[in-house]
Amino acid sequence: MAEHIVKSPLPGVFYRRPAPEEPLFAEVGSVVTATQTIGLVEIMKQFSEIRAGKAGTVTAFLVDNQGTLDPGDSIATIETS
Protein backbone atom coordinates (compact mmCIF):
# COMPACT_ATOMS: atom_id res chain seq x y z
CA MET A 1 0.00 0.00 0.00
CA ALA A 2 1.15 3.50 -0.76
CA GLU A 3 0.95 6.60 1.38
CA HIS A 4 -0.19 10.01 0.13
CA ILE A 5 0.72 13.13 2.11
CA VAL A 6 -1.69 16.04 1.86
CA LYS A 7 0.27 19.30 1.71
CA SER A 8 -0.90 22.85 2.36
CA PRO A 9 -0.99 24.98 -0.78
CA LEU A 10 -0.91 28.22 1.22
CA PRO A 11 -0.17 29.69 4.65
CA GLY A 12 -2.86 30.13 7.27
CA VAL A 13 -4.77 28.49 10.10
CA PHE A 14 -5.98 24.91 9.62
CA TYR A 15 -9.48 23.90 10.71
CA ARG A 16 -10.72 20.30 10.84
CA ARG A 17 -14.41 21.26 10.95
CA PRO A 18 -16.53 23.77 9.01
CA ALA A 19 -17.75 25.50 12.21
CA PRO A 20 -17.13 24.95 15.94
CA GLU A 21 -20.46 23.12 16.43
CA GLU A 22 -20.16 21.03 13.24
CA PRO A 23 -18.65 17.51 12.98
CA LEU A 24 -15.11 16.97 11.71
CA PHE A 25 -14.59 16.80 7.94
CA ALA A 26 -12.67 13.53 8.45
CA GLU A 27 -11.10 11.57 11.28
CA VAL A 28 -8.23 9.11 11.50
CA GLY A 29 -9.66 5.91 10.06
CA SER A 30 -12.10 7.69 7.74
CA VAL A 31 -12.31 6.43 4.17
CA VAL A 32 -12.13 9.44 1.84
CA THR A 33 -12.44 10.14 -1.87
CA ALA A 34 -9.84 12.15 -3.78
CA THR A 35 -12.15 15.17 -3.94
CA GLN A 36 -13.38 15.01 -0.34
CA THR A 37 -12.67 18.02 1.87
CA ILE A 38 -10.62 17.10 4.93
CA GLY A 39 -10.13 20.61 6.31
CA LEU A 40 -10.00 24.35 5.68
CA VAL A 41 -7.14 26.83 5.63
CA GLU A 42 -8.05 30.38 6.62
CA ILE A 43 -5.97 33.37 5.64
CA MET A 44 -7.21 36.93 6.05
CA LYS A 45 -10.84 35.80 6.64
CA GLN A 46 -10.89 33.70 3.44
CA PHE A 47 -11.32 29.96 3.71
CA SER A 48 -9.91 27.46 1.20
CA GLU A 49 -10.94 23.82 1.18
CA ILE A 50 -8.20 21.23 1.51
CA ARG A 51 -9.10 18.07 -0.39
CA ALA A 52 -7.68 14.60 0.19
CA GLY A 53 -6.09 14.44 -3.27
CA LYS A 54 -6.20 10.62 -3.37
CA ALA A 55 -8.80 8.07 -2.32
CA GLY A 56 -7.96 5.95 0.70
CA THR A 57 -7.99 5.86 4.50
CA VAL A 58 -6.80 8.76 6.67
CA THR A 59 -4.00 7.43 8.87
CA ALA A 60 -2.91 10.64 10.63
CA PHE A 61 -3.37 14.38 10.90
CA LEU A 62 0.01 16.07 11.14
CA VAL A 63 -1.24 19.48 12.25
CA ASP A 64 -3.54 20.31 15.15
CA ASN A 65 -6.94 21.89 14.68
CA GLN A 66 -6.35 25.66 14.55
CA GLY A 67 -2.64 25.06 13.98
CA THR A 68 -0.70 27.36 11.69
CA LEU A 69 0.59 26.26 8.31
CA ASP A 70 3.13 27.42 5.78
CA PRO A 71 2.94 26.49 2.10
CA GLY A 72 4.11 22.90 1.63
CA ASP A 73 3.53 21.85 5.25
CA SER A 74 2.14 18.35 5.67
CA ILE A 75 -1.48 18.21 6.84
CA ALA A 76 -2.47 14.54 6.76
CA THR A 77 -1.45 11.11 5.51
CA ILE A 78 -3.75 8.87 3.50
CA GLU A 79 -3.12 5.17 2.88
CA THR A 80 -3.99 4.41 -0.73
CA SER A 81 -4.34 1.06 -2.44
PDB file of N, CA and C in Angstrom:
ATOM      1  N   MET A   1       0.839  -1.181   0.000  1.00  0.00           N
ATOM      2  CA  MET A   1       0.000   0.000   0.000  1.00  0.00           C
ATOM      3  C   MET A   1       0.884   1.245   0.000  1.00  0.00           C
ATOM      4  N   ALA A   2       0.406   2.256  -0.666  1.00  0.00           N
ATOM      5  CA  ALA A   2       1.152   3.504  -0.765  1.00  0.00           C
ATOM      6  C   ALA A   2       0.584   4.527   0.213  1.00  0.00           C
ATOM      7  N   GLU A   3       1.378   5.543   0.480  1.00  0.00           N
ATOM      8  CA  GLU A   3       0.952   6.602   1.379  1.00  0.00           C
ATOM      9  C   GLU A   3       0.988   7.931   0.628  1.00  0.00           C
ATOM     10  N   HIS A   4      -0.089   8.678   0.740  1.00  0.00           N
ATOM     11  CA  HIS A   4      -0.192  10.009   0.132  1.00  0.00           C
ATOM     12  C   HIS A   4      -0.158  11.024   1.260  1.00  0.00           C
ATOM     13  N   ILE A   5       0.660  12.059   1.112  1.00  0.00           N
ATOM     14  CA  ILE A   5       0.719  13.125   2.114  1.00  0.00           C
ATOM     15  C   ILE A   5       0.024  14.350   1.543  1.00  0.00           C
ATOM     16  N   VAL A   6      -0.977  14.831   2.257  1.00  0.00           N
ATOM     17  CA  VAL A   6      -1.695  16.037   1.861  1.00  0.00           C
ATOM     18  C   VAL A   6      -0.883  17.231   2.330  1.00  0.00           C
ATOM     19  N   LYS A   7      -0.553  18.125   1.406  1.00  0.00           N
ATOM     20  CA  LYS A   7       0.265  19.304   1.707  1.00  0.00           C
ATOM     21  C   LYS A   7      -0.585  20.567   1.631  1.00  0.00           C
ATOM     22  N   SER A   8      -0.204  21.569   2.400  1.00  0.00           N
ATOM     23  CA  SER A   8      -0.901  22.853   2.356  1.00  0.00           C
ATOM     24  C   SER A   8      -0.433  23.662   1.154  1.00  0.00           C
ATOM     25  N   PRO A   9      -1.374  24.161   0.357  1.00  0.00           N
ATOM     26  CA  PRO A   9      -0.991  24.984  -0.782  1.00  0.00           C
ATOM     27  C   PRO A   9      -0.690  26.437  -0.400  1.00  0.00           C
ATOM     28  N   LEU A  10      -1.087  26.828   0.819  1.00  0.00           N
ATOM     29  CA  LEU A  10      -0.909  28.220   1.223  1.00  0.00           C
ATOM     30  C   LEU A  10      -0.755  28.340   2.729  1.00  0.00           C
ATOM     31  N   PRO A  11      -0.308  29.500   3.204  1.00  0.00           N
ATOM     32  CA  PRO A  11      -0.174  29.694   4.649  1.00  0.00           C
ATOM     33  C   PRO A  11      -1.525  29.997   5.277  1.00  0.00           C
ATOM     34  N   GLY A  12      -1.630  29.783   6.572  1.00  0.00           N
ATOM     35  CA  GLY A  12      -2.859  30.134   7.272  1.00  0.00           C
ATOM     36  C   GLY A  12      -3.103  29.260   8.479  1.00  0.00           C
ATOM     37  N   VAL A  13      -4.333  29.270   8.939  1.00  0.00           N
ATOM     38  CA  VAL A  13      -4.766  28.488  10.099  1.00  0.00           C
ATOM     39  C   VAL A  13      -5.597  27.317   9.580  1.00  0.00           C
ATOM     40  N   PHE A  14      -5.289  26.122  10.064  1.00  0.00           N
ATOM     41  CA  PHE A  14      -5.978  24.909   9.624  1.00  0.00           C
ATOM     42  C   PHE A  14      -7.139  24.596  10.551  1.00  0.00           C
ATOM     43  N   TYR A  15      -8.286  24.287   9.950  1.00  0.00           N
ATOM     44  CA  TYR A  15      -9.478  23.900  10.707  1.00  0.00           C
ATOM     45  C   TYR A  15      -9.951  22.531  10.235  1.00  0.00           C
ATOM     46  N   ARG A  16     -10.250  21.646  11.168  1.00  0.00           N
ATOM     47  CA  ARG A  16     -10.716  20.297  10.840  1.00  0.00           C
ATOM     48  C   ARG A  16     -12.233  20.192  10.748  1.00  0.00           C
ATOM     49  N   ARG A  17     -12.945  21.274  11.044  1.00  0.00           N
ATOM     50  CA  ARG A  17     -14.407  21.261  10.950  1.00  0.00           C
ATOM     51  C   ARG A  17     -14.880  22.580  10.332  1.00  0.00           C
ATOM     52  N   PRO A  18     -16.056  22.565   9.675  1.00  0.00           N
ATOM     53  CA  PRO A  18     -16.532  23.775   9.008  1.00  0.00           C
ATOM     54  C   PRO A  18     -16.955  24.892   9.963  1.00  0.00           C
ATOM     55  N   ALA A  19     -17.356  24.542  11.169  1.00  0.00           N
ATOM     56  CA  ALA A  19     -17.748  25.505  12.206  1.00  0.00           C
ATOM     57  C   ALA A  19     -17.563  24.807  13.552  1.00  0.00           C
ATOM     58  N   PRO A  20     -17.395  25.574  14.631  1.00  0.00           N
ATOM     59  CA  PRO A  20     -17.133  24.954  15.938  1.00  0.00           C
ATOM     60  C   PRO A  20     -18.145  23.902  16.365  1.00  0.00           C
ATOM     61  N   GLU A  21     -19.421  24.068  15.994  1.00  0.00           N
ATOM     62  CA  GLU A  21     -20.458  23.119  16.427  1.00  0.00           C
ATOM     63  C   GLU A  21     -20.691  21.997  15.417  1.00  0.00           C
ATOM     64  N   GLU A  22     -19.987  22.024  14.307  1.00  0.00           N
ATOM     65  CA  GLU A  22     -20.157  21.028  13.245  1.00  0.00           C
ATOM     66  C   GLU A  22     -19.206  19.838  13.452  1.00  0.00           C
ATOM     67  N   PRO A  23     -19.546  18.671  12.880  1.00  0.00           N
ATOM     68  CA  PRO A  23     -18.649  17.513  12.983  1.00  0.00           C
ATOM     69  C   PRO A  23     -17.385  17.709  12.142  1.00  0.00           C
ATOM     70  N   LEU A  24     -16.364  16.923  12.445  1.00  0.00           N
ATOM     71  CA  LEU A  24     -15.108  16.967  11.707  1.00  0.00           C
ATOM     72  C   LEU A  24     -15.331  16.594  10.242  1.00  0.00           C
ATOM     73  N   PHE A  25     -14.538  17.183   9.355  1.00  0.00           N
ATOM     74  CA  PHE A  25     -14.588  16.795   7.944  1.00  0.00           C
ATOM     75  C   PHE A  25     -14.197  15.324   7.796  1.00  0.00           C
ATOM     76  N   ALA A  26     -13.156  14.916   8.498  1.00  0.00           N
ATOM     77  CA  ALA A  26     -12.666  13.530   8.453  1.00  0.00           C
ATOM     78  C   ALA A  26     -11.896  13.258   9.736  1.00  0.00           C
ATOM     79  N   GLU A  27     -11.846  11.992  10.100  1.00  0.00           N
ATOM     80  CA  GLU A  27     -11.105  11.566  11.281  1.00  0.00           C
ATOM     81  C   GLU A  27     -10.097  10.509  10.874  1.00  0.00           C
ATOM     82  N   VAL A  28      -9.141  10.220  11.746  1.00  0.00           N
ATOM     83  CA  VAL A  28      -8.230   9.108  11.495  1.00  0.00           C
ATOM     84  C   VAL A  28      -9.089   7.855  11.376  1.00  0.00           C
ATOM     85  N   GLY A  29      -8.864   7.100  10.319  1.00  0.00           N
ATOM     86  CA  GLY A  29      -9.655   5.912  10.056  1.00  0.00           C
ATOM     87  C   GLY A  29     -10.769   6.133   9.047  1.00  0.00           C
ATOM     88  N   SER A  30     -11.066   7.392   8.727  1.00  0.00           N
ATOM     89  CA  SER A  30     -12.102   7.693   7.738  1.00  0.00           C
ATOM     90  C   SER A  30     -11.642   7.296   6.342  1.00  0.00           C
ATOM     91  N   VAL A  31     -12.560   6.708   5.585  1.00  0.00           N
ATOM     92  CA  VAL A  31     -12.309   6.426   4.173  1.00  0.00           C
ATOM     93  C   VAL A  31     -12.750   7.665   3.394  1.00  0.00           C
ATOM     94  N   VAL A  32     -11.854   8.204   2.568  1.00  0.00           N
ATOM     95  CA  VAL A  32     -12.129   9.440   1.836  1.00  0.00           C
ATOM     96  C   VAL A  32     -11.954   9.247   0.335  1.00  0.00           C
ATOM     97  N   THR A  33     -12.630  10.096  -0.421  1.00  0.00           N
ATOM     98  CA  THR A  33     -12.436  10.135  -1.869  1.00  0.00           C
ATOM     99  C   THR A  33     -11.378  11.190  -2.174  1.00  0.00           C
ATOM    100  N   ALA A  34     -10.878  11.186  -3.384  1.00  0.00           N
ATOM    101  CA  ALA A  34      -9.841  12.151  -3.776  1.00  0.00           C
ATOM    102  C   ALA A  34     -10.330  13.587  -3.685  1.00  0.00           C
ATOM    103  N   THR A  35     -11.619  13.805  -3.933  1.00  0.00           N
ATOM    104  CA  THR A  35     -12.152  15.171  -3.937  1.00  0.00           C
ATOM    105  C   THR A  35     -12.802  15.579  -2.620  1.00  0.00           C
ATOM    106  N   GLN A  36     -12.746  14.714  -1.633  1.00  0.00           N
ATOM    107  CA  GLN A  36     -13.380  15.010  -0.342  1.00  0.00           C
ATOM    108  C   GLN A  36     -12.584  16.048   0.434  1.00  0.00           C
ATOM    109  N   THR A  37     -13.293  17.000   1.021  1.00  0.00           N
ATOM    110  CA  THR A  37     -12.671  18.017   1.871  1.00  0.00           C
ATOM    111  C   THR A  37     -12.296  17.391   3.206  1.00  0.00           C
ATOM    112  N   ILE A  38     -11.052  17.610   3.628  1.00  0.00           N
ATOM    113  CA  ILE A  38     -10.617  17.100   4.934  1.00  0.00           C
ATOM    114  C   ILE A  38     -10.334  18.228   5.920  1.00  0.00           C
ATOM    115  N   GLY A  39     -10.379  19.468   5.444  1.00  0.00           N
ATOM    116  CA  GLY A  39     -10.129  20.614   6.307  1.00  0.00           C
ATOM    117  C   GLY A  39     -10.205  21.909   5.529  1.00  0.00           C
ATOM    118  N   LEU A  40     -10.006  23.011   6.259  1.00  0.00           N
ATOM    119  CA  LEU A  40      -9.998  24.350   5.683  1.00  0.00           C
ATOM    120  C   LEU A  40      -8.730  25.061   6.109  1.00  0.00           C
ATOM    121  N   VAL A  41      -8.224  25.925   5.247  1.00  0.00           N
ATOM    122  CA  VAL A  41      -7.141  26.826   5.625  1.00  0.00           C
ATOM    123  C   VAL A  41      -7.683  28.241   5.501  1.00  0.00           C
ATOM    124  N   GLU A  42      -7.550  29.005   6.587  1.00  0.00           N
ATOM    125  CA  GLU A  42      -8.054  30.384   6.616  1.00  0.00           C
ATOM    126  C   GLU A  42      -6.878  31.346   6.600  1.00  0.00           C
ATOM    127  N   ILE A  43      -6.948  32.293   5.693  1.00  0.00           N
ATOM    128  CA  ILE A  43      -5.966  33.368   5.643  1.00  0.00           C
ATOM    129  C   ILE A  43      -6.715  34.659   5.341  1.00  0.00           C
ATOM    130  N   MET A  44      -6.573  35.621   6.210  1.00  0.00           N
ATOM    131  CA  MET A  44      -7.210  36.933   6.054  1.00  0.00           C
ATOM    132  C   MET A  44      -8.722  36.809   5.827  1.00  0.00           C
ATOM    133  N   LYS A  45      -9.380  35.988   6.649  1.00  0.00           N
ATOM    134  CA  LYS A  45     -10.841  35.798   6.637  1.00  0.00           C
ATOM    135  C   LYS A  45     -11.359  35.085   5.390  1.00  0.00           C
ATOM    136  N   GLN A  46     -10.466  34.502   4.576  1.00  0.00           N
ATOM    137  CA  GLN A  46     -10.892  33.703   3.436  1.00  0.00           C
ATOM    138  C   GLN A  46     -10.532  32.255   3.709  1.00  0.00           C
ATOM    139  N   PHE A  47     -11.488  31.375   3.438  1.00  0.00           N
ATOM    140  CA  PHE A  47     -11.317  29.958   3.714  1.00  0.00           C
ATOM    141  C   PHE A  47     -11.163  29.184   2.413  1.00  0.00           C
ATOM    142  N   SER A  48     -10.149  28.328   2.364  1.00  0.00           N
ATOM    143  CA  SER A  48      -9.911  27.464   1.204  1.00  0.00           C
ATOM    144  C   SER A  48     -10.033  26.017   1.649  1.00  0.00           C
ATOM    145  N   GLU A  49     -10.776  25.238   0.866  1.00  0.00           N
ATOM    146  CA  GLU A  49     -10.936  23.820   1.184  1.00  0.00           C
ATOM    147  C   GLU A  49      -9.657  23.058   0.864  1.00  0.00           C
ATOM    148  N   ILE A  50      -9.318  22.136   1.745  1.00  0.00           N
ATOM    149  CA  ILE A  50      -8.198  21.230   1.513  1.00  0.00           C
ATOM    150  C   ILE A  50      -8.817  19.865   1.213  1.00  0.00           C
ATOM    151  N   ARG A  51      -8.538  19.360   0.042  1.00  0.00           N
ATOM    152  CA  ARG A  51      -9.096  18.069  -0.388  1.00  0.00           C
ATOM    153  C   ARG A  51      -8.064  16.965  -0.196  1.00  0.00           C
ATOM    154  N   ALA A  52      -8.557  15.747  -0.067  1.00  0.00           N
ATOM    155  CA  ALA A  52      -7.682  14.599   0.193  1.00  0.00           C
ATOM    156  C   ALA A  52      -6.644  14.409  -0.915  1.00  0.00           C
ATOM    157  N   GLY A  53      -7.036  14.581  -2.162  1.00  0.00           N
ATOM    158  CA  GLY A  53      -6.089  14.439  -3.265  1.00  0.00           C
ATOM    159  C   GLY A  53      -5.976  13.027  -3.815  1.00  0.00           C
ATOM    160  N   LYS A  54      -6.199  12.040  -2.973  1.00  0.00           N
ATOM    161  CA  LYS A  54      -6.200  10.622  -3.373  1.00  0.00           C
ATOM    162  C   LYS A  54      -7.225   9.901  -2.515  1.00  0.00           C
ATOM    163  N   ALA A  55      -7.844   8.875  -3.085  1.00  0.00           N
ATOM    164  CA  ALA A  55      -8.799   8.068  -2.325  1.00  0.00           C
ATOM    165  C   ALA A  55      -8.041   7.117  -1.408  1.00  0.00           C
ATOM    166  N   GLY A  56      -8.587   6.880  -0.236  1.00  0.00           N
ATOM    167  CA  GLY A  56      -7.964   5.955   0.702  1.00  0.00           C
ATOM    168  C   GLY A  56      -8.462   6.169   2.116  1.00  0.00           C
ATOM    169  N   THR A  57      -7.648   5.765   3.080  1.00  0.00           N
ATOM    170  CA  THR A  57      -7.985   5.857   4.498  1.00  0.00           C
ATOM    171  C   THR A  57      -7.047   6.843   5.188  1.00  0.00           C
ATOM    172  N   VAL A  58      -7.617   7.789   5.921  1.00  0.00           N
ATOM    173  CA  VAL A  58      -6.804   8.756   6.666  1.00  0.00           C
ATOM    174  C   VAL A  58      -6.092   8.017   7.796  1.00  0.00           C
ATOM    175  N   THR A  59      -4.765   8.102   7.823  1.00  0.00           N
ATOM    176  CA  THR A  59      -4.002   7.426   8.870  1.00  0.00           C
ATOM    177  C   THR A  59      -3.482   8.376   9.945  1.00  0.00           C
ATOM    178  N   ALA A  60      -3.387   9.679   9.631  1.00  0.00           N
ATOM    179  CA  ALA A  60      -2.908  10.638  10.628  1.00  0.00           C
ATOM    180  C   ALA A  60      -3.183  12.061  10.176  1.00  0.00           C
ATOM    181  N   PHE A  61      -3.390  12.934  11.141  1.00  0.00           N
ATOM    182  CA  PHE A  61      -3.373  14.376  10.902  1.00  0.00           C
ATOM    183  C   PHE A  61      -2.072  14.878  11.501  1.00  0.00           C
ATOM    184  N   LEU A  62      -1.323  15.639  10.735  1.00  0.00           N
ATOM    185  CA  LEU A  62       0.014  16.070  11.138  1.00  0.00           C
ATOM    186  C   LEU A  62       0.050  17.503  11.648  1.00  0.00           C
ATOM    187  N   VAL A  63      -1.108  18.130  11.704  1.00  0.00           N
ATOM    188  CA  VAL A  63      -1.236  19.484  12.246  1.00  0.00           C
ATOM    189  C   VAL A  63      -2.486  19.497  13.119  1.00  0.00           C
ATOM    190  N   ASP A  64      -2.408  20.214  14.230  1.00  0.00           N
ATOM    191  CA  ASP A  64      -3.544  20.314  15.148  1.00  0.00           C
ATOM    192  C   ASP A  64      -4.633  21.201  14.569  1.00  0.00           C
ATOM    193  N   ASN A  65      -5.861  20.982  15.019  1.00  0.00           N
ATOM    194  CA  ASN A  65      -6.940  21.893  14.679  1.00  0.00           C
ATOM    195  C   ASN A  65      -6.546  23.286  15.154  1.00  0.00           C
ATOM    196  N   GLN A  66      -6.708  24.267  14.309  1.00  0.00           N
ATOM    197  CA  GLN A  66      -6.346  25.662  14.545  1.00  0.00           C
ATOM    198  C   GLN A  66      -4.838  25.864  14.616  1.00  0.00           C
ATOM    199  N   GLY A  67      -4.084  24.900  14.084  1.00  0.00           N
ATOM    200  CA  GLY A  67      -2.639  25.055  13.982  1.00  0.00           C
ATOM    201  C   GLY A  67      -2.289  25.899  12.772  1.00  0.00           C
ATOM    202  N   THR A  68      -1.115  26.520  12.808  1.00  0.00           N
ATOM    203  CA  THR A  68      -0.701  27.359  11.687  1.00  0.00           C
ATOM    204  C   THR A  68       0.095  26.546  10.674  1.00  0.00           C
ATOM    205  N   LEU A  69      -0.065  26.943   9.418  1.00  0.00           N
ATOM    206  CA  LEU A  69       0.587  26.255   8.310  1.00  0.00           C
ATOM    207  C   LEU A  69       1.366  27.233   7.446  1.00  0.00           C
ATOM    208  N   ASP A  70       2.413  26.726   6.836  1.00  0.00           N
ATOM    209  CA  ASP A  70       3.131  27.416   5.783  1.00  0.00           C
ATOM    210  C   ASP A  70       2.901  26.629   4.504  1.00  0.00           C
ATOM    211  N   PRO A  71       3.087  27.247   3.342  1.00  0.00           N
ATOM    212  CA  PRO A  71       2.937  26.492   2.103  1.00  0.00           C
ATOM    213  C   PRO A  71       3.856  25.274   2.089  1.00  0.00           C
ATOM    214  N   GLY A  72       3.325  24.135   1.701  1.00  0.00           N
ATOM    215  CA  GLY A  72       4.106  22.905   1.632  1.00  0.00           C
ATOM    216  C   GLY A  72       4.129  22.090   2.907  1.00  0.00           C
ATOM    217  N   ASP A  73       3.583  22.625   3.998  1.00  0.00           N
ATOM    218  CA  ASP A  73       3.529  21.853   5.249  1.00  0.00           C
ATOM    219  C   ASP A  73       2.605  20.647   5.071  1.00  0.00           C
ATOM    220  N   SER A  74       2.955  19.561   5.714  1.00  0.00           N
ATOM    221  CA  SER A  74       2.138  18.345   5.671  1.00  0.00           C
ATOM    222  C   SER A  74       0.937  18.493   6.588  1.00  0.00           C
ATOM    223  N   ILE A  75      -0.227  18.102   6.074  1.00  0.00           N
ATOM    224  CA  ILE A  75      -1.476  18.208   6.844  1.00  0.00           C
ATOM    225  C   ILE A  75      -1.937  16.845   7.327  1.00  0.00           C
ATOM    226  N   ALA A  76      -1.937  15.862   6.426  1.00  0.00           N
ATOM    227  CA  ALA A  76      -2.465  14.543   6.764  1.00  0.00           C
ATOM    228  C   ALA A  76      -1.815  13.483   5.888  1.00  0.00           C
ATOM    229  N   THR A  77      -1.903  12.231   6.337  1.00  0.00           N
ATOM    230  CA  THR A  77      -1.452  11.110   5.512  1.00  0.00           C
ATOM    231  C   THR A  77      -2.654  10.237   5.198  1.00  0.00           C
ATOM    232  N   ILE A  78      -2.669   9.724   3.968  1.00  0.00           N
ATOM    233  CA  ILE A  78      -3.750   8.867   3.496  1.00  0.00           C
ATOM    234  C   ILE A  78      -3.129   7.593   2.913  1.00  0.00           C
ATOM    235  N   GLU A  79      -3.574   6.456   3.411  1.00  0.00           N
ATOM    236  CA  GLU A  79      -3.121   5.169   2.877  1.00  0.00           C
ATOM    237  C   GLU A  79      -3.966   4.867   1.660  1.00  0.00           C
ATOM    238  N   THR A  80      -3.292   4.700   0.525  1.00  0.00           N
ATOM    239  CA  THR A  80      -3.991   4.406  -0.732  1.00  0.00           C
ATOM    240  C   THR A  80      -3.725   2.965  -1.126  1.00  0.00           C
ATOM    241  N   SER A  81      -4.562   2.433  -2.019  1.00  0.00           N
ATOM    242  CA  SER A  81      -4.342   1.056  -2.444  1.00  0.00           C
ATOM    243  C   SER A  81      -3.782   0.977  -3.844  1.00  0.00           C
TER     244      SER A  81
END
